[in-house]
C-alpha atoms as a PDB file:
ATOM      1  CA  MET A   1      12.945 -18.218 -84.250  1.00  0.00           C
ATOM      2  CA  SER A   2      15.489 -16.644 -86.766  1.00  0.00           C
ATOM      3  CA  ILE A   3      19.082 -16.108 -86.534  1.00  0.00           C
ATOM      4  CA  ALA A   4      18.478 -13.500 -89.231  1.00  0.00           C
ATOM      5  CA  ASN A   5      18.346 -10.538 -86.822  1.00  0.00           C
ATOM      6  CA  ARG A   6      19.830  -9.596 -83.511  1.00  0.00           C
ATOM      7  CA  ILE A   7      17.350 -10.054 -80.690  1.00  0.00           C
ATOM      8  CA  GLY A   8      16.942  -6.296 -80.199  1.00  0.00           C
ATOM      9  CA  LEU A   9      16.051  -5.709 -83.850  1.00  0.00           C
ATOM     10  CA  ARG A  10      14.005  -8.794 -84.097  1.00  0.00           C
ATOM     11  CA  VAL A  11      11.560  -7.594 -81.353  1.00  0.00           C
ATOM     12  CA  ALA A  12      11.748  -3.851 -81.948  1.00  0.00           C
ATOM     13  CA  ALA A  13      11.346  -3.854 -85.623  1.00  0.00           C
ATOM     14  CA  ALA A  14       7.977  -5.378 -85.297  1.00  0.00           C
ATOM     15  CA  ALA A  15       6.583  -2.863 -82.986  1.00  0.00           C
ATOM     16  CA  VAL A  16       7.583   0.669 -83.780  1.00  0.00           C
ATOM     17  CA  ALA A  17       5.588   3.867 -84.713  1.00  0.00           C
ATOM     18  CA  THR A  18       5.586   7.622 -84.981  1.00  0.00           C
ATOM     19  CA  GLY A  19       5.135  10.106 -82.030  1.00  0.00           C
ATOM     20  CA  ALA A  20       6.871  12.211 -79.560  1.00  0.00           C
ATOM     21  CA  ILE A  21       8.728  11.150 -76.548  1.00  0.00           C
ATOM     22  CA  ALA A  22       7.661  13.013 -73.377  1.00  0.00           C
ATOM     23  CA  ALA A  23      10.995  13.173 -71.563  1.00  0.00           C
ATOM     24  CA  GLY A  24      13.687  11.780 -73.819  1.00  0.00           C
ATOM     25  CA  GLY A  25      13.776  14.538 -76.440  1.00  0.00           C
ATOM     26  CA  LEU A  26      14.426  13.897 -80.069  1.00  0.00           C
ATOM     27  CA  ALA A  27      17.856  13.775 -81.892  1.00  0.00           C
ATOM     28  CA  VAL A  28      18.719  16.836 -83.814  1.00  0.00           C
ATOM     29  CA  ALA A  29      20.757  16.086 -86.919  1.00  0.00           C
ATOM     30  CA  GLY A  30      23.814  18.323 -87.315  1.00  0.00           C
ATOM     31  CA  SER A  31      26.306  18.747 -90.135  1.00  0.00           C
ATOM     32  CA  ALA A  32      29.276  16.698 -91.015  1.00  0.00           C
ATOM     33  CA  GLY A  33      27.925  13.510 -89.568  1.00  0.00           C
ATOM     34  CA  ALA A  34      27.322  15.036 -86.175  1.00  0.00           C
ATOM     35  CA  SER A  35      24.050  14.778 -84.083  1.00  0.00           C
ATOM     36  CA  THR A  36      23.167  16.681 -80.848  1.00  0.00           C
ATOM     37  CA  VAL A  37      20.861  14.728 -78.570  1.00  0.00           C
ATOM     38  CA  ALA A  38      18.336  16.418 -76.276  1.00  0.00           C
ATOM     39  CA  ALA A  39      18.578  15.266 -72.779  1.00  0.00           C
ATOM     40  CA  SER A  40      15.998  15.146 -69.947  1.00  0.00           C
ATOM     41  CA  SER A  41      18.020  16.552 -67.043  1.00  0.00           C
ATOM     42  CA  GLN A  42      21.616  17.167 -68.234  1.00  0.00           C
ATOM     43  CA  SER A  43      23.490  19.147 -70.905  1.00  0.00           C
ATOM     44  CA  PRO A  44      22.949  17.790 -74.482  1.00  0.00           C
ATOM     45  CA  VAL A  45      25.401  15.274 -75.533  1.00  0.00           C
ATOM     46  CA  SER A  46      26.851  15.433 -79.200  1.00  0.00           C
ATOM     47  CA  TYR A  47      28.037  12.583 -81.143  1.00  0.00           C
ATOM     48  CA  ARG A  48      29.968  12.229 -84.441  1.00  0.00           C
ATOM     49  CA  PHE A  49      28.670   9.316 -86.376  1.00  0.00           C
ATOM     50  CA  GLN A  50      30.523   6.992 -88.819  1.00  0.00           C
ATOM     51  CA  THR A  51      28.901   4.468 -90.961  1.00  0.00           C
ATOM     52  CA  LEU A  52      30.857   1.255 -91.061  1.00  0.00           C
ATOM     53  CA  ASP A  53      29.887  -1.535 -93.440  1.00  0.00           C
ATOM     54  CA  ASN A  54      31.745  -4.601 -94.489  1.00  0.00           C
ATOM     55  CA  ALA A  55      32.052  -4.548 -98.305  1.00  0.00           C
ATOM     56  CA  LYS A  56      31.226  -8.254 -98.500  1.00  0.00           C
ATOM     57  CA  ASP A  57      27.684  -7.255 -97.993  1.00  0.00           C
ATOM     58  CA  LEU A  58      26.842  -3.477 -98.254  1.00  0.00           C
ATOM     59  CA  THR A  59      23.227  -4.307 -97.813  1.00  0.00           C
ATOM     60  CA  PHE A  60      23.194  -5.565 -94.368  1.00  0.00           C
ATOM     61  CA  ASN A  61      25.560  -4.989 -91.439  1.00  0.00           C
ATOM     62  CA  GLN A  62      24.968  -4.732 -87.658  1.00  0.00           C
ATOM     63  CA  LEU A  63      27.565  -3.600 -84.972  1.00  0.00           C
ATOM     64  CA  LEU A  64      26.786  -5.228 -81.697  1.00  0.00           C
ATOM     65  CA  GLY A  65      29.570  -4.501 -79.226  1.00  0.00           C
ATOM     66  CA  ILE A  66      32.639  -2.359 -78.604  1.00  0.00           C
ATOM     67  CA  ASN A  67      35.339  -2.785 -76.113  1.00  0.00           C
ATOM     68  CA  ASN A  68      37.546  -0.108 -74.365  1.00  0.00           C
ATOM     69  CA  HIS A  69      40.322  -0.736 -77.154  1.00  0.00           C
ATOM     70  CA  GLY A  70      37.783   0.298 -79.857  1.00  0.00           C
ATOM     71  CA  LEU A  71      37.496  -3.321 -81.149  1.00  0.00           C
ATOM     72  CA  ILE A  72      33.985  -3.851 -82.594  1.00  0.00           C
ATOM     73  CA  ALA A  73      31.951  -7.129 -82.814  1.00  0.00           C
ATOM     74  CA  GLY A  74      29.468  -7.532 -85.602  1.00  0.00           C
ATOM     75  CA  TYR A  75      28.217  -9.430 -88.667  1.00  0.00           C
ATOM     76  CA  PHE A  76      26.978  -9.076 -92.315  1.00  0.00           C
ATOM     77  CA  GLY A  77      24.308 -10.843 -94.079  1.00  0.00           C
ATOM     78  CA  SER A  78      20.476 -10.606 -93.436  1.00  0.00           C
ATOM     79  CA  GLY A  79      20.087 -14.237 -92.778  1.00  0.00           C
ATOM     80  CA  ALA A  80      17.502 -14.691 -95.627  1.00  0.00           C
ATOM     81  CA  ALA A  81      18.122 -17.775 -97.753  1.00  0.00           C
ATOM     82  CA  GLY A  82      21.399 -17.428 -99.565  1.00  0.00           C
ATOM     83  CA  HIS A  83      22.442 -14.458 -97.393  1.00  0.00           C
ATOM     84  CA  PRO A  84      23.760 -16.192 -94.148  1.00  0.00           C
ATOM     85  CA  ASN A  85      24.901 -14.216 -91.126  1.00  0.00           C
ATOM     86  CA  GLN A  86      28.714 -14.074 -91.099  1.00  0.00           C
ATOM     87  CA  GLY A  87      30.455 -12.937 -88.034  1.00  0.00           C
ATOM     88  CA  TYR A  88      33.533 -10.424 -87.850  1.00  0.00           C
ATOM     89  CA  LEU A  89      35.599  -8.250 -85.634  1.00  0.00           C
ATOM     90  CA  LEU A  90      36.426  -4.720 -86.805  1.00  0.00           C
ATOM     91  CA  PHE A  91      39.699  -3.280 -85.598  1.00  0.00           C
ATOM     92  CA  PRO A  92      40.439   0.415 -85.073  1.00  0.00           C
ATOM     93  CA  GLY A  93      41.368   2.105 -88.222  1.00  0.00           C
ATOM     94  CA  TYR A  94      37.885   0.791 -89.447  1.00  0.00           C
ATOM     95  CA  GLY A  95      39.069   0.380 -93.099  1.00  0.00           C
ATOM     96  CA  GLN A  96      38.094  -2.633 -95.172  1.00  0.00           C
ATOM     97  CA  HIS A  97      41.410  -4.249 -94.337  1.00  0.00           C
ATOM     98  CA  ASN A  98      40.602  -4.111 -90.619  1.00  0.00           C
ATOM     99  CA  TYR A  99      37.794  -6.582 -90.756  1.00  0.00           C
ATOM    100  CA  ARG A 100      38.557 -10.217 -89.548  1.00  0.00           C
ATOM    101  CA  ASN A 101      36.105 -13.016 -90.034  1.00  0.00           C
ATOM    102  CA  GLU A 102      35.007 -14.929 -86.923  1.00  0.00           C
ATOM    103  CA  ASN A 103      32.651 -17.783 -87.439  1.00  0.00           C
ATOM    104  CA  PHE A 104      32.022 -20.830 -85.373  1.00  0.00           C
ATOM    105  CA  PRO A 105      33.706 -23.869 -86.982  1.00  0.00           C
ATOM    106  CA  GLY A 106      31.380 -25.715 -89.303  1.00  0.00           C
ATOM    107  CA  SER A 107      28.673 -23.357 -88.882  1.00  0.00           C
ATOM    108  CA  VAL A 108      26.304 -22.090 -91.587  1.00  0.00           C
ATOM    109  CA  GLN A 109      25.625 -18.749 -89.849  1.00  0.00           C
ATOM    110  CA  THR A 110      27.310 -16.858 -87.009  1.00  0.00           C
ATOM    111  CA  GLN A 111      26.802 -13.654 -85.173  1.00  0.00           C
ATOM    112  CA  VAL A 112      29.440 -12.168 -82.949  1.00  0.00           C
ATOM    113  CA  THR A 113      27.355 -10.236 -80.410  1.00  0.00           C
ATOM    114  CA  GLY A 114      29.744  -9.160 -77.516  1.00  0.00           C
ATOM    115  CA  LEU A 115      33.344  -9.079 -76.446  1.00  0.00           C
ATOM    116  CA  ASN A 116      35.508  -7.916 -73.603  1.00  0.00           C
ATOM    117  CA  ASP A 117      38.971  -6.269 -73.231  1.00  0.00           C
ATOM    118  CA  GLN A 118      40.696  -9.709 -72.629  1.00  0.00           C
ATOM    119  CA  GLY A 119      40.062 -11.280 -75.992  1.00  0.00           C
ATOM    120  CA  THR A 120      36.911 -13.105 -75.307  1.00  0.00           C
ATOM    121  CA  THR A 121      33.997 -13.030 -77.830  1.00  0.00           C
ATOM    122  CA  VAL A 122      30.488 -14.414 -77.450  1.00  0.00           C
ATOM    123  CA  GLY A 123      27.607 -14.839 -79.855  1.00  0.00           C
ATOM    124  CA  PHE A 124      25.504 -17.621 -81.366  1.00  0.00           C
ATOM    125  CA  TRP A 125      25.694 -19.799 -84.360  1.00  0.00           C
ATOM    126  CA  SER A 126      23.339 -21.858 -86.567  1.00  0.00           C
ATOM    127  CA  ASN A 127      23.715 -25.134 -88.731  1.00  0.00           C
ATOM    128  CA  ALA A 128      20.963 -23.795 -91.220  1.00  0.00           C
ATOM    129  CA  ASN A 129      20.031 -20.961 -93.385  1.00  0.00           C
ATOM    130  CA  ASN A 130      16.427 -21.771 -94.116  1.00  0.00           C
ATOM    131  CA  ALA A 131      14.133 -19.737 -96.314  1.00  0.00           C
ATOM    132  CA  ASN A 132      11.468 -19.667 -93.566  1.00  0.00           C
ATOM    133  CA  LEU A 133      14.133 -18.281 -91.137  1.00  0.00           C
ATOM    134  CA  SER A 134      13.466 -21.079 -88.776  1.00  0.00           C
ATOM    135  CA  ASN A 135      16.978 -21.907 -87.785  1.00  0.00           C
ATOM    136  CA  ALA A 136      18.552 -23.589 -84.631  1.00  0.00           C
ATOM    137  CA  ASN A 137      20.490 -21.090 -82.452  1.00  0.00           C
ATOM    138  CA  PHE A 138      23.283 -22.208 -80.320  1.00  0.00           C
ATOM    139  CA  GLY A 139      25.358 -19.891 -78.023  1.00  0.00           C
ATOM    140  CA  PHE A 140      29.136 -19.830 -78.128  1.00  0.00           C
ATOM    141  CA  TYR A 141      32.273 -18.148 -76.663  1.00  0.00           C
ATOM    142  CA  SER A 142      35.912 -18.040 -77.888  1.00  0.00           C
ATOM    143  CA  LEU A 143      38.878 -17.105 -75.746  1.00  0.00           C
ATOM    144  CA  ASP A 144      41.186 -16.291 -78.592  1.00  0.00           C
ATOM    145  CA  GLY A 145      39.359 -16.191 -81.877  1.00  0.00           C
ATOM    146  CA  ARG A 146      40.472 -19.727 -82.694  1.00  0.00           C
ATOM    147  CA  HIS A 147      39.109 -22.088 -80.061  1.00  0.00           C
ATOM    148  CA  PHE A 148      35.316 -22.118 -79.786  1.00  0.00           C
ATOM    149  CA  ARG A 149      32.899 -23.682 -77.401  1.00  0.00           C
ATOM    150  CA  THR A 150      29.194 -24.156 -77.602  1.00  0.00           C
ATOM    151  CA  VAL A 151      27.105 -22.860 -74.589  1.00  0.00           C
ATOM    152  CA  ASP A 152      23.471 -23.958 -74.140  1.00  0.00           C
ATOM    153  CA  PHE A 153      21.441 -23.504 -71.094  1.00  0.00           C
ATOM    154  CA  PRO A 154      20.763 -27.007 -69.545  1.00  0.00           C
ATOM    155  CA  THR A 155      17.007 -27.363 -69.927  1.00  0.00           C
ATOM    156  CA  GLY A 156      14.579 -30.063 -71.166  1.00  0.00           C
ATOM    157  CA  ASN A 157      12.142 -27.305 -72.233  1.00  0.00           C
ATOM    158  CA  ASN A 158      13.766 -25.649 -75.247  1.00  0.00           C
ATOM    159  CA  ALA A 159      12.036 -24.340 -78.209  1.00  0.00           C
ATOM    160  CA  THR A 160      11.948 -26.423 -81.547  1.00  0.00           C
ATOM    161  CA  PRO A 161      14.326 -25.632 -83.216  1.00  0.00           C
ATOM    162  CA  PRO A 162      16.377 -24.732 -80.079  1.00  0.00           C
ATOM    163  CA  VAL A 163      17.197 -21.042 -79.443  1.00  0.00           C
ATOM    164  CA  ASP A 164      20.044 -20.202 -77.109  1.00  0.00           C
ATOM    165  CA  GLN A 165      22.236 -16.929 -77.537  1.00  0.00           C
ATOM    166  CA  LEU A 166      25.081 -15.370 -75.617  1.00  0.00           C
ATOM    167  CA  LEU A 167      24.788 -11.489 -76.053  1.00  0.00           C
ATOM    168  CA  GLY A 168      27.537  -9.967 -73.867  1.00  0.00           C
ATOM    169  CA  VAL A 169      30.521 -10.786 -71.633  1.00  0.00           C
ATOM    170  CA  ASN A 170      32.650  -8.833 -69.029  1.00  0.00           C
ATOM    171  CA  ASP A 171      36.354  -8.924 -68.203  1.00  0.00           C
ATOM    172  CA  GLY A 172      35.806 -11.660 -65.561  1.00  0.00           C
ATOM    173  CA  ASN A 173      34.526 -13.937 -68.398  1.00  0.00           C
ATOM    174  CA  VAL A 174      30.947 -13.821 -67.211  1.00  0.00           C
ATOM    175  CA  ALA A 175      28.626 -13.876 -70.114  1.00  0.00           C
ATOM    176  CA  VAL A 176      24.926 -13.116 -70.432  1.00  0.00           C
ATOM    177  CA  GLY A 177      22.170 -14.470 -72.720  1.00  0.00           C
ATOM    178  CA  PHE A 178      18.862 -16.291 -72.899  1.00  0.00           C
ATOM    179  CA  TYR A 179      17.104 -19.315 -74.170  1.00  0.00           C
ATOM    180  CA  THR A 180      13.621 -19.627 -75.476  1.00  0.00           C
ATOM    181  CA  ASP A 181      11.301 -22.373 -74.016  1.00  0.00           C
ATOM    182  CA  SER A 182       8.730 -24.442 -75.929  1.00  0.00           C
ATOM    183  CA  GLN A 183       5.958 -21.853 -75.109  1.00  0.00           C
ATOM    184  CA  GLY A 184       8.028 -19.073 -76.774  1.00  0.00           C
ATOM    185  CA  SER A 185       9.079 -17.283 -73.569  1.00  0.00           C
ATOM    186  CA  SER A 186      12.755 -16.111 -73.099  1.00  0.00           C
ATOM    187  CA  HIS A 187      14.838 -17.021 -69.893  1.00  0.00           C
ATOM    188  CA  GLY A 188      17.761 -14.706 -69.120  1.00  0.00           C
ATOM    189  CA  TYR A 189      20.903 -16.041 -67.427  1.00  0.00           C
ATOM    190  CA  THR A 190      24.551 -15.361 -66.627  1.00  0.00           C
ATOM    191  CA  TYR A 191      27.226 -17.948 -67.478  1.00  0.00           C
ATOM    192  CA  SER A 192      30.564 -18.114 -65.822  1.00  0.00           C
ATOM    193  CA  ILE A 193      33.045 -19.349 -68.542  1.00  0.00           C
ATOM    194  CA  GLY A 194      35.722 -20.302 -66.057  1.00  0.00           C
ATOM    195  CA  HIS A 195      33.419 -22.329 -63.747  1.00  0.00           C
ATOM    196  CA  ASN A 196      30.907 -23.509 -66.349  1.00  0.00           C
ATOM    197  CA  ARG A 197      28.130 -22.238 -64.175  1.00  0.00           C
ATOM    198  CA  PHE A 198      24.742 -20.828 -65.026  1.00  0.00           C
ATOM    199  CA  THR A 199      22.623 -18.397 -62.897  1.00  0.00           C
ATOM    200  CA  THR A 200      19.136 -17.297 -63.896  1.00  0.00           C
ATOM    201  CA  VAL A 201      18.166 -13.644 -64.217  1.00  0.00           C
ATOM    202  CA  THR A 202      14.541 -12.986 -63.456  1.00  0.00           C
ATOM    203  CA  VAL A 203      12.209 -10.122 -62.429  1.00  0.00           C
ATOM    204  CA  PRO A 204      11.977 -10.129 -58.606  1.00  0.00           C
ATOM    205  CA  GLY A 205       8.623 -11.368 -57.577  1.00  0.00           C
ATOM    206  CA  ALA A 206       7.720 -12.442 -61.106  1.00  0.00           C
ATOM    207  CA  PRO A 207      10.216 -15.188 -62.125  1.00  0.00           C
ATOM    208  CA  GLY A 208       7.902 -16.458 -64.834  1.00  0.00           C
ATOM    209  CA  LEU A 209       7.942 -13.296 -66.971  1.00  0.00           C
ATOM    210  CA  SER A 210       9.792 -13.521 -70.444  1.00  0.00           C
ATOM    211  CA  LEU A 211      13.215 -11.894 -69.963  1.00  0.00           C
ATOM    212  CA  THR A 212      16.373 -11.511 -72.110  1.00  0.00           C
ATOM    213  CA  ALA A 213      19.663 -10.630 -70.408  1.00  0.00           C
ATOM    214  CA  ALA A 214      21.700  -8.609 -72.997  1.00  0.00           C
ATOM    215  CA  GLY A 215      24.680  -6.870 -71.453  1.00  0.00           C
ATOM    216  CA  ILE A 216      26.883  -7.080 -68.341  1.00  0.00           C
ATOM    217  CA  ASN A 217      29.680  -4.789 -67.006  1.00  0.00           C
ATOM    218  CA  ASN A 218      32.698  -5.528 -64.821  1.00  0.00           C
ATOM    219  CA  ASP A 219      30.733  -5.025 -61.678  1.00  0.00           C
ATOM    220  CA  GLY A 220      28.346  -7.804 -62.590  1.00  0.00           C
ATOM    221  CA  ASP A 221      25.551  -5.311 -63.337  1.00  0.00           C
ATOM    222  CA  VAL A 222      23.154  -6.907 -65.892  1.00  0.00           C
ATOM    223  CA  THR A 223      20.844  -5.146 -68.368  1.00  0.00           C
ATOM    224  CA  GLY A 224      18.241  -6.421 -70.749  1.00  0.00           C
ATOM    225  CA  PHE A 225      14.473  -6.322 -71.291  1.00  0.00           C
ATOM    226  CA  TYR A 226      11.356  -8.316 -70.152  1.00  0.00           C
ATOM    227  CA  THR A 227       7.600  -8.428 -70.918  1.00  0.00           C
ATOM    228  CA  ASN A 228       5.305  -7.579 -68.203  1.00  0.00           C
ATOM    229  CA  ALA A 229       1.934  -9.028 -67.351  1.00  0.00           C
ATOM    230  CA  ALA A 230       0.258  -6.553 -69.585  1.00  0.00           C
ATOM    231  CA  GLY A 231       2.309  -7.512 -72.601  1.00  0.00           C
ATOM    232  CA  VAL A 232       4.531  -4.432 -72.595  1.00  0.00           C
ATOM    233  CA  THR A 233       8.247  -4.759 -73.080  1.00  0.00           C
ATOM    234  CA  ASN A 234      10.516  -2.813 -70.661  1.00  0.00           C
ATOM    235  CA  GLY A 235      14.239  -2.507 -70.230  1.00  0.00           C
ATOM    236  CA  PHE A 236      15.927  -3.206 -66.927  1.00  0.00           C
ATOM    237  CA  LEU A 237      19.118  -2.650 -65.050  1.00  0.00           C
ATOM    238  CA  ARG A 238      20.070  -4.960 -62.237  1.00  0.00           C
ATOM    239  CA  TYR A 239      22.757  -3.146 -60.210  1.00  0.00           C
ATOM    240  CA  HIS A 240      23.699  -2.583 -56.560  1.00  0.00           C
ATOM    241  CA  GLY A 241      21.477  -5.223 -55.434  1.00  0.00           C
ATOM    242  CA  GLN A 242      18.445  -3.492 -57.170  1.00  0.00           C
ATOM    243  CA  PHE A 243      16.311  -4.190 -60.089  1.00  0.00           C
ATOM    244  CA  ARG A 244      15.409  -1.105 -61.948  1.00  0.00           C
ATOM    245  CA  THR A 245      12.821  -0.999 -64.786  1.00  0.00           C
ATOM    246  CA  LEU A 246      13.810   1.298 -67.739  1.00  0.00           C
ATOM    247  CA  SER A 247      10.867   2.632 -69.782  1.00  0.00           C
ATOM    248  CA  VAL A 248      11.151   5.654 -72.092  1.00  0.00           C
ATOM    249  CA  PRO A 249       8.092   7.830 -71.407  1.00  0.00           C
ATOM    250  CA  GLY A 250       5.606   7.589 -74.193  1.00  0.00           C
ATOM    251  CA  ALA A 251       7.184   4.556 -75.762  1.00  0.00           C
ATOM    252  CA  SER A 252       5.317   1.436 -76.638  1.00  0.00           C
ATOM    253  CA  ALA A 253       8.337  -0.781 -75.985  1.00  0.00           C
ATOM    254  CA  THR A 254      11.838  -0.153 -74.440  1.00  0.00           C
ATOM    255  CA  GLN A 255      14.798  -2.591 -74.756  1.00  0.00           C
ATOM    256  CA  ALA A 256      18.145  -2.282 -72.962  1.00  0.00           C
ATOM    257  CA  LEU A 257      20.946  -3.930 -74.949  1.00  0.00           C
ATOM    258  CA  GLY A 258      24.263  -2.873 -73.409  1.00  0.00           C
ATOM    259  CA  VAL A 259      25.892  -1.245 -70.315  1.00  0.00           C
ATOM    260  CA  ASN A 260      29.354   0.092 -69.404  1.00  0.00           C
ATOM    261  CA  ASP A 261      31.167   0.234 -66.077  1.00  0.00           C
ATOM    262  CA  GLN A 262      29.525   3.667 -65.330  1.00  0.00           C
ATOM    263  CA  ASP A 263      26.162   2.057 -65.599  1.00  0.00           C
ATOM    264  CA  GLU A 264      25.418   3.885 -68.847  1.00  0.00           C
ATOM    265  CA  VAL A 265      22.774   1.827 -70.592  1.00  0.00           C
ATOM    266  CA  VAL A 266      22.077   1.765 -74.218  1.00  0.00           C
ATOM    267  CA  GLY A 267      19.352   0.310 -76.326  1.00  0.00           C
ATOM    268  CA  VAL A 268      16.239   0.988 -78.522  1.00  0.00           C
ATOM    269  CA  TYR A 269      12.722   2.173 -77.864  1.00  0.00           C
ATOM    270  CA  THR A 270       9.703   2.087 -80.221  1.00  0.00           C
ATOM    271  CA  VAL A 271       6.893   4.547 -80.507  1.00  0.00           C
ATOM    272  CA  GLY A 272       3.495   3.422 -81.546  1.00  0.00           C
ATOM    273  CA  THR A 273       2.720   0.220 -83.446  1.00  0.00           C
ATOM    274  CA  GLY A 274       2.212  -1.167 -86.885  1.00  0.00           C
ATOM    275  CA  SER A 275       3.574  -0.167 -90.247  1.00  0.00           C
ATOM    276  CA  THR A 276       4.104   3.497 -89.216  1.00  0.00           C
ATOM    277  CA  ALA A 277       6.137   2.695 -86.086  1.00  0.00           C
ATOM    278  CA  THR A 278       9.489   4.294 -85.516  1.00  0.00           C
ATOM    279  CA  MET A 279      12.571   3.015 -83.635  1.00  0.00           C
ATOM    280  CA  HIS A 280      15.029   5.224 -81.782  1.00  0.00           C
ATOM    281  CA  GLY A 281      18.373   4.528 -80.005  1.00  0.00           C
ATOM    282  CA  PHE A 282      18.768   5.765 -76.556  1.00  0.00           C
ATOM    283  CA  THR A 283      21.327   6.217 -73.567  1.00  0.00           C
ATOM    284  CA  TRP A 284      20.371   6.118 -69.970  1.00  0.00           C
ATOM    285  CA  THR A 285      22.601   7.271 -67.125  1.00  0.00           C
ATOM    286  CA  PRO A 286      21.704   7.139 -63.373  1.00  0.00           C
ATOM    287  CA  GLY A 287      20.477  10.428 -62.125  1.00  0.00           C
ATOM    288  CA  HIS A 288      20.156  11.854 -65.647  1.00  0.00           C
ATOM    289  CA  GLY A 289      17.717   9.511 -67.430  1.00  0.00           C
ATOM    290  CA  PHE A 290      17.186   9.045 -71.136  1.00  0.00           C
ATOM    291  CA  GLN A 291      18.513  10.698 -74.164  1.00  0.00           C
ATOM    292  CA  THR A 292      17.558   9.794 -77.692  1.00  0.00           C
ATOM    293  CA  VAL A 293      20.339   8.888 -80.053  1.00  0.00           C
ATOM    294  CA  ASP A 294      19.592   8.818 -83.735  1.00  0.00           C
ATOM    295  CA  ASP A 295      22.037   8.241 -86.509  1.00  0.00           C
ATOM    296  CA  PRO A 296      21.528  11.297 -88.866  1.00  0.00           C
ATOM    297  CA  HIS A 297      21.040   8.946 -91.811  1.00  0.00           C
ATOM    298  CA  GLY A 298      18.494   6.696 -89.915  1.00  0.00           C
ATOM    299  CA  ILE A 299      16.293   8.851 -87.888  1.00  0.00           C
ATOM    300  CA  GLY A 300      13.399   6.548 -86.803  1.00  0.00           C
ATOM    301  CA  THR A 301      15.319   3.394 -87.633  1.00  0.00           C
ATOM    302  CA  THR A 302      18.145   3.430 -85.202  1.00  0.00           C
ATOM    303  CA  THR A 303      19.261   0.809 -82.658  1.00  0.00           C
ATOM    304  CA  VAL A 304      22.173   1.447 -80.185  1.00  0.00           C
ATOM    305  CA  ASN A 305      23.500  -1.921 -79.228  1.00  0.00           C
ATOM    306  CA  GLY A 306      26.799  -1.371 -77.489  1.00  0.00           C
ATOM    307  CA  VAL A 307      28.775   1.080 -75.362  1.00  0.00           C
ATOM    308  CA  ASN A 308      32.235   1.123 -73.923  1.00  0.00           C
ATOM    309  CA  ASP A 309      33.685   3.125 -70.937  1.00  0.00           C
ATOM    310  CA  HIS A 310      34.753   5.960 -73.229  1.00  0.00           C
ATOM    311  CA  GLY A 311      31.147   6.474 -74.186  1.00  0.00           C
ATOM    312  CA  GLN A 312      31.473   5.213 -77.775  1.00  0.00           C
ATOM    313  CA  LEU A 313      28.316   3.754 -79.113  1.00  0.00           C
ATOM    314  CA  VAL A 314      27.824   1.093 -81.883  1.00  0.00           C
ATOM    315  CA  GLY A 315      24.601  -0.116 -83.453  1.00  0.00           C
ATOM    316  CA  PHE A 316      22.787   0.017 -86.753  1.00  0.00           C
ATOM    317  CA  TYR A 317      20.120   1.786 -88.774  1.00  0.00           C
ATOM    318  CA  THR A 318      18.106   1.519 -92.026  1.00  0.00           C
ATOM    319  CA  ASP A 319      19.106   4.007 -94.684  1.00  0.00           C
ATOM    320  CA  ALA A 320      16.978   5.541 -97.403  1.00  0.00           C
ATOM    321  CA  ALA A 321      17.762   2.663 -99.814  1.00  0.00           C
ATOM    322  CA  GLY A 322      16.457   0.088 -97.325  1.00  0.00           C
ATOM    323  CA  ASN A 323      19.953  -1.219 -96.360  1.00  0.00           C
ATOM    324  CA  THR A 324      20.845  -1.988 -92.781  1.00  0.00           C
ATOM    325  CA  ASP A 325      24.145  -0.056 -91.925  1.00  0.00           C
ATOM    326  CA  GLY A 326      26.318  -0.313 -88.975  1.00  0.00           C
ATOM    327  CA  PHE A 327      27.506   2.820 -87.167  1.00  0.00           C
ATOM    328  CA  LEU A 328      30.043   4.103 -84.633  1.00  0.00           C
ATOM    329  CA  ALA A 329      29.226   7.161 -82.601  1.00  0.00           C
ATOM    330  CA  GLY A 330      31.812   9.036 -80.537  1.00  0.00           C
ATOM    331  CA  PRO A 331      31.017  11.709 -78.098  1.00  0.00           C
ATOM    332  CA  LEU A 332      32.200  15.142 -78.935  1.00  0.00           C
ATOM    333  CA  GLY A 333      33.995  17.527 -76.551  1.00  0.00           C
END
């Protein structure tokens, strides 16, 4: 398991292809960085996209979370040998002077994957940057950007090297994440920072399925993705006492990666398999369903990773030169 890529990209990039989506619609690129997204059952939503890359490494940036103040969590560096992941926060204004490094003390690599409105950040770190990308992962949180604490799910059945990541956190300081066991299956959980308490997140009736918990809102609703008995990856939203599977029609895989307080879910879906696969971002809202969201510069290579209560999206795409670029997308109108 590598710290090189965010879990959503790590799974999705290996299984994407070309094709049409039956219900979601395809993004239609507009001018001046705008994109109109076809919706299944509501008026189209338009977004204005802004590419945001830390100049310390213009070849690889991923933006993973955004809070209601517009503060963004992300990192640069591909994780390949000599190009370690380096975490940061990006403050509104979004110029090069608005980046602030955030790395776990003494770490070789760090990804900042989530944040809330109270100053808490979460992510994972590694003590290695190996050429084979086989690096230990340890979850962490920080309450103020200066004091950090490692968080690892208590288990005697972790992978070798260990893999444990925190991926999101709400304003109640409840985080979500996963660990990988020795058989390679993921196990999702929530973690209460204030009470140092872990709670597992499983598929009802099938607790043994591999599952990643990726996002949590202030109501405690959890989103993520799991692999069913047939080997298909589906997203999910656990809310209002229900567990709802989210699967884009026609997609070979769907991964839900973030959720806001309106239960708007964001993520990535793949179409087809193999070297011709494509990857598209999406939003999903209760009662309206899926909408495709592609950055105009990265159609077929877009992942939407975070969303705030204003409907602002963050994520990443691959550009024509093969670089991974972060983006911010704000709804128009």
